Amino acid sequence: MPARKNPVRKKFKLPRRVPVFPLPNVILFPQVELPLYIFEPRYRQMLADTVRGNKFMAVSLLKKGWEKKKEPYPSHEIVGVGYVK
């Protein structure tokens, strides 16, 4: 059986800084779309700025017990960075 070729991947130059969208129970996986319902005005503005800018955004998983904390909520240090279409 012939070896499968890797799909053509678009090469991106990642920016040094991207906005972070903290979410409970959500992580970003490579090559998987993440549909989001964004209703808070501050995150809608962040998304609008992202689309007008370099189109990269990070998704950060909130740490267990975040509900009992004040903002900024504690999130994990490792995040997934994605390209916003």
N, C-alpha and C. Protein backbone atom coordinates (compact mmCIF):
# COMPACT_ATOMS: atom_id res chain seq x y z
N MET A 1 0.84 -1.17 0.00
CA MET A 1 0.00 0.00 0.00
C MET A 1 0.89 1.24 0.00
N PRO A 2 0.67 2.18 -0.92
CA PRO A 2 1.54 3.37 -0.98
C PRO A 2 1.33 4.26 0.24
N ALA A 3 2.39 4.94 0.62
CA ALA A 3 2.32 5.87 1.76
C ALA A 3 1.45 7.05 1.39
N ARG A 4 0.66 7.49 2.34
CA ARG A 4 -0.19 8.67 2.11
C ARG A 4 0.64 9.93 2.27
N LYS A 5 0.38 10.87 1.40
CA LYS A 5 1.07 12.15 1.49
C LYS A 5 0.37 13.00 2.54
N ASN A 6 1.16 13.81 3.22
CA ASN A 6 0.57 14.75 4.17
C ASN A 6 -0.21 15.79 3.39
N PRO A 7 -1.34 16.24 3.93
CA PRO A 7 -2.10 17.29 3.24
C PRO A 7 -1.26 18.56 3.17
N VAL A 8 -1.50 19.33 2.15
CA VAL A 8 -0.78 20.60 2.01
C VAL A 8 -1.20 21.50 3.18
N ARG A 9 -0.22 22.02 3.86
CA ARG A 9 -0.49 22.89 5.00
C ARG A 9 -0.04 24.29 4.67
N LYS A 10 -0.89 25.23 4.99
CA LYS A 10 -0.55 26.62 4.79
C LYS A 10 0.47 27.01 5.85
N LYS A 11 1.50 27.68 5.46
CA LYS A 11 2.52 28.10 6.42
C LYS A 11 2.19 29.50 6.90
N PHE A 12 2.19 29.66 8.21
CA PHE A 12 1.90 30.94 8.83
C PHE A 12 3.10 31.41 9.63
N LYS A 13 3.25 32.69 9.68
CA LYS A 13 4.24 33.26 10.59
C LYS A 13 3.47 33.66 11.84
N LEU A 14 3.73 32.96 12.92
CA LEU A 14 3.00 33.24 14.16
C LEU A 14 3.48 34.55 14.79
N PRO A 15 2.55 35.36 15.24
CA PRO A 15 2.94 36.60 15.92
C PRO A 15 3.48 36.29 17.31
N ARG A 16 4.23 37.23 17.87
CA ARG A 16 4.79 37.04 19.21
C ARG A 16 3.72 37.16 20.29
N ARG A 17 2.67 37.93 20.03
CA ARG A 17 1.59 38.12 21.00
C ARG A 17 0.25 37.94 20.32
N VAL A 18 -0.67 37.26 21.02
CA VAL A 18 -2.03 37.08 20.50
C VAL A 18 -3.00 37.26 21.66
N PRO A 19 -4.24 37.66 21.37
CA PRO A 19 -5.24 37.73 22.44
C PRO A 19 -5.58 36.33 22.95
N VAL A 20 -5.95 36.27 24.22
CA VAL A 20 -6.26 34.98 24.85
C VAL A 20 -7.73 34.96 25.24
N PHE A 21 -8.42 33.92 24.82
CA PHE A 21 -9.83 33.72 25.13
C PHE A 21 -9.90 32.60 26.17
N PRO A 22 -10.11 32.92 27.45
CA PRO A 22 -10.19 31.89 28.49
C PRO A 22 -11.57 31.24 28.50
N LEU A 23 -11.59 29.91 28.47
CA LEU A 23 -12.86 29.18 28.43
C LEU A 23 -12.82 27.98 29.37
N PRO A 24 -13.94 27.68 30.02
CA PRO A 24 -14.01 26.47 30.83
C PRO A 24 -14.32 25.27 29.92
N ASN A 25 -13.66 24.16 30.17
CA ASN A 25 -13.96 22.90 29.47
C ASN A 25 -13.77 22.95 27.95
N VAL A 26 -12.88 23.80 27.48
CA VAL A 26 -12.64 23.89 26.04
C VAL A 26 -11.13 23.97 25.79
N ILE A 27 -10.66 23.16 24.85
CA ILE A 27 -9.29 23.28 24.38
C ILE A 27 -9.30 23.27 22.86
N LEU A 28 -8.23 23.76 22.29
CA LEU A 28 -8.13 23.87 20.84
C LEU A 28 -7.21 22.76 20.33
N PHE A 29 -7.70 21.95 19.40
CA PHE A 29 -6.92 20.88 18.81
C PHE A 29 -6.44 21.28 17.42
N PRO A 30 -5.27 20.79 17.01
CA PRO A 30 -4.77 21.09 15.66
C PRO A 30 -5.72 20.58 14.59
N GLN A 31 -5.91 21.39 13.57
CA GLN A 31 -6.71 21.07 12.39
C GLN A 31 -8.16 20.72 12.70
N VAL A 32 -8.69 21.23 13.79
CA VAL A 32 -10.09 21.02 14.15
C VAL A 32 -10.74 22.39 14.34
N GLU A 33 -11.87 22.59 13.68
CA GLU A 33 -12.58 23.85 13.84
C GLU A 33 -13.23 23.88 15.21
N LEU A 34 -13.27 25.07 15.80
CA LEU A 34 -13.88 25.26 17.11
C LEU A 34 -14.95 26.34 16.98
N PRO A 35 -16.21 25.93 16.73
CA PRO A 35 -17.27 26.94 16.63
C PRO A 35 -17.58 27.49 18.03
N LEU A 36 -17.68 28.79 18.11
CA LEU A 36 -17.94 29.44 19.39
C LEU A 36 -19.14 30.37 19.29
N TYR A 37 -19.91 30.43 20.35
CA TYR A 37 -20.98 31.41 20.47
C TYR A 37 -20.44 32.48 21.41
N ILE A 38 -20.09 33.62 20.86
CA ILE A 38 -19.48 34.68 21.65
C ILE A 38 -20.52 35.76 21.89
N PHE A 39 -20.88 35.94 23.16
CA PHE A 39 -21.96 36.87 23.48
C PHE A 39 -21.50 38.04 24.34
N GLU A 40 -20.41 37.90 25.07
CA GLU A 40 -19.95 39.01 25.91
C GLU A 40 -19.32 40.09 25.03
N PRO A 41 -19.72 41.35 25.24
CA PRO A 41 -19.20 42.43 24.40
C PRO A 41 -17.68 42.51 24.35
N ARG A 42 -17.00 42.28 25.46
CA ARG A 42 -15.53 42.39 25.46
C ARG A 42 -14.90 41.31 24.58
N TYR A 43 -15.47 40.11 24.55
CA TYR A 43 -14.92 39.05 23.72
C TYR A 43 -15.34 39.21 22.26
N ARG A 44 -16.49 39.80 22.04
CA ARG A 44 -16.89 40.12 20.66
C ARG A 44 -15.94 41.16 20.07
N GLN A 45 -15.56 42.14 20.90
CA GLN A 45 -14.61 43.16 20.46
C GLN A 45 -13.24 42.53 20.20
N MET A 46 -12.82 41.62 21.08
CA MET A 46 -11.55 40.94 20.90
C MET A 46 -11.53 40.18 19.57
N LEU A 47 -12.62 39.49 19.27
CA LEU A 47 -12.71 38.75 18.02
C LEU A 47 -12.69 39.70 16.81
N ALA A 48 -13.41 40.80 16.90
CA ALA A 48 -13.41 41.77 15.80
C ALA A 48 -12.01 42.33 15.58
N ASP A 49 -11.29 42.63 16.65
CA ASP A 49 -9.91 43.12 16.53
C ASP A 49 -9.01 42.05 15.92
N THR A 50 -9.24 40.80 16.30
CA THR A 50 -8.44 39.69 15.78
C THR A 50 -8.65 39.53 14.28
N VAL A 51 -9.89 39.61 13.84
CA VAL A 51 -10.20 39.46 12.42
C VAL A 51 -9.60 40.61 11.61
N ARG A 52 -9.60 41.82 12.17
CA ARG A 52 -9.01 42.97 11.49
C ARG A 52 -7.48 42.93 11.54
N GLY A 53 -6.94 42.21 12.51
CA GLY A 53 -5.49 42.17 12.69
C GLY A 53 -4.85 40.96 12.03
N ASN A 54 -4.06 40.22 12.80
CA ASN A 54 -3.31 39.10 12.23
C ASN A 54 -4.09 37.78 12.19
N LYS A 55 -5.29 37.77 12.73
CA LYS A 55 -6.22 36.63 12.69
C LYS A 55 -5.83 35.44 13.57
N PHE A 56 -4.92 35.65 14.50
CA PHE A 56 -4.55 34.59 15.43
C PHE A 56 -5.09 34.89 16.81
N MET A 57 -5.58 33.84 17.48
CA MET A 57 -6.13 33.97 18.82
C MET A 57 -5.81 32.69 19.60
N ALA A 58 -5.56 32.85 20.88
CA ALA A 58 -5.30 31.69 21.73
C ALA A 58 -6.54 31.34 22.53
N VAL A 59 -6.72 30.05 22.80
CA VAL A 59 -7.78 29.56 23.67
C VAL A 59 -7.10 28.94 24.88
N SER A 60 -7.48 29.44 26.05
CA SER A 60 -6.86 28.98 27.29
C SER A 60 -7.91 28.28 28.16
N LEU A 61 -7.57 27.10 28.62
CA LEU A 61 -8.47 26.33 29.50
C LEU A 61 -8.38 26.89 30.91
N LEU A 62 -9.53 27.24 31.48
CA LEU A 62 -9.57 27.74 32.85
C LEU A 62 -9.27 26.60 33.82
N LYS A 63 -8.59 26.93 34.91
CA LYS A 63 -8.24 25.92 35.91
C LYS A 63 -9.45 25.57 36.77
N LYS A 64 -9.43 24.37 37.30
CA LYS A 64 -10.51 23.89 38.17
C LYS A 64 -10.70 24.88 39.32
N GLY A 65 -11.95 25.20 39.64
CA GLY A 65 -12.27 26.12 40.72
C GLY A 65 -12.27 27.58 40.30
N TRP A 66 -12.19 27.85 39.02
CA TRP A 66 -12.14 29.23 38.55
C TRP A 66 -13.39 30.02 38.94
N GLU A 67 -14.52 29.33 39.09
CA GLU A 67 -15.78 30.00 39.39
C GLU A 67 -15.74 30.74 40.73
N LYS A 68 -14.89 30.28 41.63
CA LYS A 68 -14.82 30.86 42.98
C LYS A 68 -13.81 32.00 43.05
N LYS A 69 -13.13 32.29 41.94
CA LYS A 69 -12.09 33.31 41.91
C LYS A 69 -12.61 34.59 41.28
N LYS A 70 -11.84 35.64 41.44
CA LYS A 70 -12.15 36.91 40.77
C LYS A 70 -11.29 37.01 39.51
N GLU A 71 -11.73 37.87 38.60
CA GLU A 71 -10.96 38.07 37.37
C GLU A 71 -9.65 38.76 37.69
N PRO A 72 -8.58 38.46 36.98
CA PRO A 72 -8.52 37.50 35.89
C PRO A 72 -8.56 36.07 36.42
N TYR A 73 -9.38 35.25 35.79
CA TYR A 73 -9.54 33.87 36.23
C TYR A 73 -8.26 33.08 35.96
N PRO A 74 -7.93 32.14 36.84
CA PRO A 74 -6.72 31.34 36.62
C PRO A 74 -6.91 30.37 35.46
N SER A 75 -5.93 30.38 34.56
CA SER A 75 -5.98 29.46 33.43
C SER A 75 -4.64 28.76 33.28
N HIS A 76 -4.65 27.70 32.52
CA HIS A 76 -3.43 26.94 32.30
C HIS A 76 -2.44 27.74 31.46
N GLU A 77 -1.17 27.50 31.68
CA GLU A 77 -0.11 28.27 31.03
C GLU A 77 0.06 27.88 29.56
N ILE A 78 -0.28 26.66 29.21
CA ILE A 78 -0.15 26.20 27.84
C ILE A 78 -1.49 26.42 27.14
N VAL A 79 -1.47 27.07 26.01
CA VAL A 79 -2.68 27.41 25.27
C VAL A 79 -2.57 26.89 23.84
N GLY A 80 -3.72 26.83 23.19
CA GLY A 80 -3.73 26.51 21.76
C GLY A 80 -3.92 27.80 20.99
N VAL A 81 -3.13 27.99 19.97
CA VAL A 81 -3.24 29.19 19.14
C VAL A 81 -3.85 28.77 17.81
N GLY A 82 -4.89 29.48 17.42
CA GLY A 82 -5.58 29.14 16.18
C GLY A 82 -5.73 30.33 15.26
N TYR A 83 -6.01 30.03 14.03
CA TYR A 83 -6.23 31.02 12.98
C TYR A 83 -7.74 31.22 12.84
N VAL A 84 -8.20 32.45 12.92
CA VAL A 84 -9.63 32.76 12.81
C VAL A 84 -9.97 33.02 11.36
N LYS A 85 -10.91 32.25 10.85
CA LYS A 85 -11.33 32.42 9.44
C LYS A 85 -12.30 33.54 9.30
